[in-house]
């Protein structure tokens, strides 16, 4: 099959597992919320210029520098109405892009500067997602959102945040995560939080193998119980090639592949942060060819100036992927989600596969 057109990619059902709420806001919304709240630190109040500023700021080949741009999106989401608006618009924007299931993550501890409690932060975000899903359904673009509650690995509140995730697990929270600067902040610093989540039979994904290498991945899996790896790009450090060009998987890489541990890969963001030199040389192609459980994700739609359609279009053009490849990656993502099993099957069998069958039939 041929490389799909942008129109086909946009129309195809897509599944997103790695997307940050504060990294995907609309520039106009950031400006309006800043005006409402008296936030005066924005570099510009022109939405086009602001969007370009975020992307320039993030594209500096360094994770810590990339994270600096979040000061403004976090700065304007310190009230319940602002958080609800950001969440509702995220659901609407993803649905309009053809995403049928998404897990969107955020760090509640970053949104308490104006007096909101952690519970109030989570409740505001969940309410916003409900509004956004309802609006998307009315527009003919139904989407299901699962929320991931994230603790900052550079802080010391992870056990508190883990308990918060568990408290809201029946209201839309589907799992727990840690994020932030990776080097110098190993996942084992938060072992108590992960053990609490595991004892309660809940779900764990961990940012690992983005800005730091194999030890971060090993700790995330073998000490902290990660079911998925956020990024996981550096797993390629455990793959070598013999004289005949055949890949040789080290023990950790073989474990990840054998156990079908999902990799939440974010190609454009990985280039922005320096985790990959270029999109064309991104490890996602090799890992897919080796049949790792690869998924395609946006990470931060505002900072990296991408949508799921953009990510797939770039990858299809760079790696000669077709609609069958897209379907394989999308089913991978849905299988790997933290949504209940039967509902995962329903989305795969009643939305994803029929959607791709229709597009492939039209392309035949």
Protein backbone atom coordinates (compact mmCIF):
# COMPACT_ATOMS: atom_id res chain seq x y z
CA UNK A 1 0.00 0.00 0.00
CA UNK A 2 1.04 3.58 -0.62
CA UNK A 3 2.00 6.14 1.98
CA UNK A 4 -1.33 7.56 3.18
CA UNK A 5 -2.33 11.12 2.41
CA UNK A 6 -2.71 13.67 5.20
CA UNK A 7 -6.49 13.47 4.68
CA UNK A 8 -6.42 9.71 5.23
CA UNK A 9 -4.21 10.05 8.31
CA UNK A 10 -6.55 12.67 9.74
CA UNK A 11 -9.59 10.47 9.08
CA UNK A 12 -7.99 7.34 10.58
CA UNK A 13 -8.92 6.43 14.17
CA UNK A 14 -5.95 7.21 16.41
CA UNK A 15 -5.04 6.38 20.01
CA UNK A 16 -2.83 8.57 22.19
CA UNK A 17 -1.19 7.37 25.41
CA UNK A 18 1.32 10.13 26.15
CA UNK A 19 0.03 13.70 26.13
CA UNK A 20 0.52 16.42 28.78
CA UNK A 21 -2.38 18.73 29.59
CA UNK A 22 -0.14 21.73 30.27
CA UNK A 23 1.82 20.99 27.09
CA UNK A 24 -1.17 21.03 24.75
CA UNK A 25 -3.04 24.25 25.44
CA UNK A 26 -4.30 26.60 22.75
CA UNK A 27 -2.14 29.76 22.51
CA UNK A 28 -5.25 31.96 22.49
CA UNK A 29 -6.46 30.30 25.68
CA UNK A 30 -3.11 30.92 27.40
CA UNK A 31 -3.40 34.61 26.46
CA UNK A 32 -7.01 34.93 27.62
CA UNK A 33 -6.38 33.15 30.92
CA UNK A 34 -3.33 35.35 31.55
CA UNK A 35 -5.48 38.46 31.04
CA UNK A 36 -8.22 37.14 33.33
CA UNK A 37 -5.79 36.27 36.11
CA UNK A 38 -3.44 39.23 35.87
CA UNK A 39 -0.56 37.01 34.78
CA UNK A 40 1.94 39.39 33.16
CA UNK A 41 4.91 37.17 32.31
CA UNK A 42 3.92 36.06 28.79
CA UNK A 43 6.52 37.02 26.17
CA UNK A 44 3.77 38.19 23.77
CA UNK A 45 -0.01 38.42 23.58
CA UNK A 46 -0.18 37.63 19.89
CA UNK A 47 -1.35 33.99 19.53
CA UNK A 48 0.72 33.26 16.42
CA UNK A 49 3.85 34.75 17.95
CA UNK A 50 3.20 32.97 21.25
CA UNK A 51 2.83 29.59 19.54
CA UNK A 52 6.11 30.19 17.71
CA UNK A 53 7.79 31.28 20.97
CA UNK A 54 6.78 28.04 22.72
CA UNK A 55 8.13 25.93 19.87
CA UNK A 56 11.40 27.87 19.64
CA UNK A 57 11.84 27.64 23.39
CA UNK A 58 11.20 23.92 23.48
CA UNK A 59 13.34 22.99 20.48
CA UNK A 60 16.70 23.34 22.22
CA UNK A 61 17.85 19.69 22.28
CA UNK A 62 17.77 19.52 26.06
CA UNK A 63 15.03 18.17 28.32
CA UNK A 64 15.59 20.65 31.15
CA UNK A 65 15.44 23.60 28.72
CA UNK A 66 12.36 22.09 27.09
CA UNK A 67 10.62 21.97 30.47
CA UNK A 68 11.26 25.69 31.12
CA UNK A 69 8.51 26.66 28.67
CA UNK A 70 5.86 25.13 30.93
CA UNK A 71 6.15 27.99 33.42
CA UNK A 72 3.56 29.96 31.45
CA UNK A 73 0.97 27.24 30.82
CA UNK A 74 1.20 26.20 34.47
CA UNK A 75 1.14 29.84 35.52
CA UNK A 76 -2.27 30.47 33.94
CA UNK A 77 -3.90 27.23 35.18
CA UNK A 78 -4.06 27.92 38.89
CA UNK A 79 -7.87 28.15 39.15
CA UNK A 80 -10.58 25.53 38.74
CA UNK A 81 -12.25 27.28 35.75
CA UNK A 82 -8.88 27.57 33.97
CA UNK A 83 -8.08 23.89 34.51
CA UNK A 84 -11.53 22.82 33.37
CA UNK A 85 -11.25 24.94 30.25
CA UNK A 86 -7.83 23.53 29.38
CA UNK A 87 -9.10 19.97 29.82
CA UNK A 88 -12.29 20.53 27.83
CA UNK A 89 -10.38 22.09 24.94
CA UNK A 90 -7.82 19.26 24.99
CA UNK A 91 -10.60 16.70 24.57
CA UNK A 92 -12.20 18.73 21.78
CA UNK A 93 -8.92 19.28 19.93
CA UNK A 94 -7.87 15.63 20.12
CA UNK A 95 -11.30 14.44 18.98
CA UNK A 96 -11.27 16.85 16.04
CA UNK A 97 -7.91 15.32 15.04
CA UNK A 98 -9.40 11.83 14.84
CA UNK A 99 -8.23 10.57 18.23
CA UNK A 100 -10.80 8.12 19.59
CA UNK A 101 -9.08 7.32 22.88
CA UNK A 102 -6.50 9.37 24.78
CA UNK A 103 -4.77 9.29 28.11
CA UNK A 104 -3.87 12.81 29.15
CA UNK A 105 -1.58 13.42 32.10
CA UNK A 106 -0.95 16.33 34.43
CA UNK A 107 0.78 17.06 37.75
CA UNK A 108 -1.75 18.30 40.34
CA UNK A 109 0.98 19.62 42.65
CA UNK A 110 1.87 22.29 40.08
CA UNK A 111 -1.58 23.90 40.20
CA UNK A 112 -2.01 24.81 43.88
CA UNK A 113 -0.27 28.21 43.95
CA UNK A 114 -3.55 30.13 44.33
CA UNK A 115 -5.02 27.97 47.03
CA UNK A 116 -6.61 25.02 45.23
CA UNK A 117 -6.35 21.74 47.07
CA UNK A 118 -5.04 18.70 45.24
CA UNK A 119 -8.55 17.24 45.20
CA UNK A 120 -9.97 20.44 43.71
CA UNK A 121 -7.32 20.38 40.97
CA UNK A 122 -8.17 16.81 39.97
CA UNK A 123 -11.91 17.45 40.15
CA UNK A 124 -11.60 20.51 37.90
CA UNK A 125 -9.62 18.58 35.28
CA UNK A 126 -11.99 15.60 35.33
CA UNK A 127 -14.99 17.93 34.98
CA UNK A 128 -13.31 19.62 32.03
CA UNK A 129 -12.70 16.31 30.29
CA UNK A 130 -16.35 15.37 30.78
CA UNK A 131 -17.42 18.66 29.19
CA UNK A 132 -14.97 18.24 26.33
CA UNK A 133 -16.05 14.67 25.62
CA UNK A 134 -19.69 15.76 25.54
CA UNK A 135 -18.90 18.64 23.19
CA UNK A 136 -16.85 16.35 20.94
CA UNK A 137 -19.69 13.81 20.76
CA UNK A 138 -22.13 16.56 19.77
CA UNK A 139 -19.73 17.61 17.01
CA UNK A 140 -19.69 14.04 15.68
CA UNK A 141 -16.19 13.23 16.97
CA UNK A 142 -16.66 10.94 19.99
CA UNK A 143 -13.62 10.42 22.19
CA UNK A 144 -12.90 8.68 25.47
CA UNK A 145 -10.37 10.27 27.82
CA UNK A 146 -8.53 8.49 30.63
CA UNK A 147 -6.62 10.72 33.05
CA UNK A 148 -3.12 10.01 34.34
CA UNK A 149 -2.08 11.71 37.57
CA UNK A 150 1.61 12.61 37.60
CA UNK A 151 4.03 13.33 40.45
CA UNK A 152 7.12 15.44 39.85
CA UNK A 153 10.23 13.32 40.22
CA UNK A 154 12.20 16.39 41.35
CA UNK A 155 9.86 16.90 44.34
CA UNK A 156 8.98 14.82 47.41
CA UNK A 157 5.19 14.52 47.18
CA UNK A 158 4.90 11.34 45.15
CA UNK A 159 3.28 9.23 47.87
CA UNK A 160 0.69 11.95 48.42
CA UNK A 161 0.05 12.17 44.67
CA UNK A 162 -0.20 8.38 44.38
CA UNK A 163 -2.87 8.38 47.09
CA UNK A 164 -4.64 11.17 45.19
CA UNK A 165 -4.67 9.06 42.01
CA UNK A 166 -6.18 6.15 43.90
CA UNK A 167 -8.82 8.37 45.46
CA UNK A 168 -10.12 9.41 42.03
CA UNK A 169 -9.67 6.08 40.22
CA UNK A 170 -13.43 5.56 39.86
CA UNK A 171 -14.00 9.07 38.53
CA UNK A 172 -11.76 8.93 35.45
CA UNK A 173 -8.17 8.60 36.69
CA UNK A 174 -6.67 5.47 35.11
CA UNK A 175 -3.07 5.48 36.32
CA UNK A 176 -0.07 7.08 38.01
CA UNK A 177 3.11 8.53 36.51
CA UNK A 178 6.23 10.49 37.44
CA UNK A 179 7.68 13.17 35.17
CA UNK A 180 10.22 15.98 35.11
CA UNK A 181 14.01 16.09 34.83
CA UNK A 182 15.23 12.50 34.57
CA UNK A 183 19.01 12.67 35.10
CA UNK A 184 19.81 12.63 38.81
CA UNK A 185 16.23 11.79 39.80
CA UNK A 186 15.86 8.01 39.42
CA UNK A 187 12.42 6.43 39.77
CA UNK A 188 13.52 4.54 42.89
CA UNK A 189 13.43 7.82 44.82
CA UNK A 190 9.66 7.34 44.67
CA UNK A 191 9.52 3.66 45.55
CA UNK A 192 6.96 4.13 48.34
CA UNK A 193 4.52 5.73 45.89
CA UNK A 194 4.88 2.94 43.37
CA UNK A 195 4.50 0.25 45.98
CA UNK A 196 1.29 1.89 47.18
CA UNK A 197 -0.08 1.88 43.63
CA UNK A 198 0.91 -1.77 43.14
CA UNK A 199 -0.66 -2.86 46.43
CA UNK A 200 -3.93 -1.28 45.31
CA UNK A 201 -3.92 -3.06 41.92
CA UNK A 202 -3.67 0.20 39.98
CA UNK A 203 -1.69 1.17 36.88
CA UNK A 204 1.80 2.65 36.49
CA UNK A 205 3.57 4.33 33.59
CA UNK A 206 6.93 6.03 34.16
CA UNK A 207 8.89 8.57 32.13
CA UNK A 208 12.09 6.58 31.59
CA UNK A 209 14.75 6.27 28.94
CA UNK A 210 14.25 9.78 27.52
CA UNK A 211 17.02 11.99 28.89
CA UNK A 212 18.73 9.15 30.76
CA UNK A 213 19.64 5.66 29.68
CA UNK A 214 19.25 2.02 30.57
CA UNK A 215 19.51 2.32 34.38
CA UNK A 216 16.40 4.52 34.38
CA UNK A 217 14.48 1.96 32.32
CA UNK A 218 15.71 -0.93 34.48
CA UNK A 219 14.66 0.78 37.71
CA UNK A 220 11.28 1.76 36.28
CA UNK A 221 10.52 -1.83 35.34
CA UNK A 222 12.21 -4.00 37.94
CA UNK A 223 11.92 -1.85 41.06
CA UNK A 224 8.92 0.39 40.42
CA UNK A 225 6.50 -1.86 38.54
CA UNK A 226 6.07 0.20 35.37
CA UNK A 227 3.61 -1.37 32.94
CA UNK A 228 4.57 1.09 30.20
CA UNK A 229 7.62 3.25 29.51
CA UNK A 230 7.12 6.94 28.82
CA UNK A 231 9.38 7.42 25.78
CA UNK A 232 11.80 4.52 26.38
CA UNK A 233 13.97 5.74 23.49
CA UNK A 234 17.24 4.72 25.14
CA UNK A 235 16.32 1.04 25.07
CA UNK A 236 18.28 1.09 21.79
CA UNK A 237 21.43 1.41 23.90
CA UNK A 238 20.91 -2.29 24.69
CA UNK A 239 20.78 -3.33 21.02
CA UNK A 240 23.94 -4.02 19.04
CA UNK A 241 24.55 -5.46 15.60
CA UNK A 242 26.65 -8.46 14.62
CA UNK A 243 29.05 -8.65 11.65
CA UNK A 244 26.15 -9.81 9.47
CA UNK A 245 24.07 -6.79 10.44
CA UNK A 246 21.68 -8.84 12.53
CA UNK A 247 20.46 -7.12 15.71
CA UNK A 248 21.58 -8.53 19.06
CA UNK A 249 19.29 -7.67 21.96
CA UNK A 250 20.79 -7.30 25.41
CA UNK A 251 18.96 -8.77 28.36
CA UNK A 252 16.98 -5.63 29.17
CA UNK A 253 15.94 -5.00 25.56
CA UNK A 254 14.98 -8.66 25.17
CA UNK A 255 12.92 -8.46 28.38
CA UNK A 256 11.08 -5.36 27.14
CA UNK A 257 10.28 -7.01 23.82
CA UNK A 258 9.46 -10.45 25.23
CA UNK A 259 7.12 -9.02 27.86
CA UNK A 260 5.45 -6.73 25.28
CA UNK A 261 6.13 -3.66 27.44
CA UNK A 262 4.65 -0.68 25.58
CA UNK A 263 6.92 2.17 24.53
CA UNK A 264 5.15 5.54 24.53
CA UNK A 265 7.30 7.08 21.79
CA UNK A 266 7.04 10.78 20.92
CA UNK A 267 9.22 11.35 17.83
CA UNK A 268 8.96 15.14 17.41
CA UNK A 269 9.38 15.83 21.12
CA UNK A 270 12.34 13.43 21.29
CA UNK A 271 14.09 15.49 18.61
CA UNK A 272 13.23 18.72 20.47
CA UNK A 273 14.74 17.41 23.72
CA UNK A 274 17.80 15.84 22.09
CA UNK A 275 16.73 12.27 22.85
CA UNK A 276 16.95 11.64 19.07
CA UNK A 277 19.13 13.42 16.53
CA UNK A 278 16.42 13.71 13.89
CA UNK A 279 13.05 12.27 13.05
CA UNK A 280 14.56 10.29 10.17
CA UNK A 281 17.03 8.60 12.54
CA UNK A 282 14.58 8.14 15.41
CA UNK A 283 14.77 4.61 16.90
CA UNK A 284 11.01 4.12 16.46
CA UNK A 285 11.57 2.67 12.99
CA UNK A 286 14.07 0.05 14.10
CA UNK A 287 12.08 -0.82 17.22
CA UNK A 288 8.92 -1.26 15.15
CA UNK A 289 10.78 -3.46 12.67
CA UNK A 290 12.00 -5.56 15.59
CA UNK A 291 8.39 -5.87 16.76
CA UNK A 292 8.68 -4.06 20.06
CA UNK A 293 5.32 -2.84 21.39
CA UNK A 294 5.74 0.62 19.86
CA UNK A 295 3.15 3.40 20.02
CA UNK A 296 3.11 6.92 18.49
CA UNK A 297 2.36 9.93 20.68
CA UNK A 298 2.49 13.74 20.78
CA UNK A 299 3.88 14.45 24.27
CA UNK A 300 3.30 18.23 24.17
CA UNK A 301 1.21 19.48 21.27
CA UNK A 302 1.83 23.17 21.95
CA UNK A 303 5.54 23.04 22.69
CA UNK A 304 6.37 20.69 19.81
CA UNK A 305 3.74 22.16 17.45
CA UNK A 306 2.31 18.73 16.60
CA UNK A 307 -0.93 16.82 16.45
CA UNK A 308 -1.37 13.07 16.10
CA UNK A 309 -2.01 13.64 12.42
CA UNK A 310 1.30 15.52 12.18
CA UNK A 311 3.21 12.79 14.01
CA UNK A 312 1.85 10.03 11.80
CA UNK A 313 2.34 12.06 8.63
CA UNK A 314 5.99 12.69 9.50
CA UNK A 315 6.59 9.04 10.36
CA UNK A 316 4.77 7.68 7.31
CA UNK A 317 6.83 9.91 5.03
CA UNK A 318 10.13 9.20 6.81
CA UNK A 319 9.70 5.44 7.20
CA UNK A 320 7.39 4.54 4.28
CA UNK A 321 4.62 3.44 6.62
CA UNK A 322 1.20 2.73 5.16
CA UNK A 323 -2.30 2.43 6.62
CA UNK A 324 -1.60 -1.14 7.74
CA UNK A 325 1.37 0.12 9.75
CA UNK A 326 -0.79 2.85 11.26
CA UNK A 327 -3.42 0.31 12.23
CA UNK A 328 -0.81 -1.95 13.87
CA UNK A 329 0.54 0.97 15.91
CA UNK A 330 -2.96 2.13 16.84
CA UNK A 331 -4.07 -1.32 17.98
CA UNK A 332 -0.81 -1.56 19.95
CA UNK A 333 -1.73 1.66 21.74
CA UNK A 334 -5.30 0.64 22.49
CA UNK A 335 -4.19 -2.78 23.78
CA UNK A 336 -1.68 -0.99 26.01
CA UNK A 337 -4.10 1.53 27.46
CA UNK A 338 -5.23 1.48 31.09
CA UNK A 339 -8.90 1.42 30.05
CA UNK A 340 -10.94 -1.64 31.11
CA UNK A 341 -10.27 -4.72 28.97
CA UNK A 342 -13.73 -5.22 27.49
CA UNK A 343 -14.01 -1.54 26.56
CA UNK A 344 -10.57 -1.71 24.95
CA UNK A 345 -11.80 -4.59 22.81
CA UNK A 346 -14.93 -2.66 21.89
CA UNK A 347 -12.88 0.30 20.65
CA UNK A 348 -10.51 -1.97 18.70
CA UNK A 349 -13.22 -4.09 17.09
CA UNK A 350 -15.96 -1.50 16.61
CA UNK A 351 -14.04 1.70 15.88
CA UNK A 352 -10.37 1.16 14.99
CA UNK A 353 -10.54 -1.89 12.71
CA UNK A 354 -13.67 -0.77 10.82
CA UNK A 355 -12.17 2.69 10.38
CA UNK A 356 -9.00 1.36 8.84
CA UNK A 357 -10.84 -1.24 6.76
CA UNK A 358 -12.86 1.57 5.21
CA UNK A 359 -9.77 3.64 4.44
CA UNK A 360 -7.89 0.65 3.05
CA UNK A 361 -10.87 -0.27 0.90
CA UNK A 362 -10.94 3.22 -0.52
CA UNK A 363 -7.20 3.03 -1.22
CA UNK A 364 -7.34 -0.37 -2.93
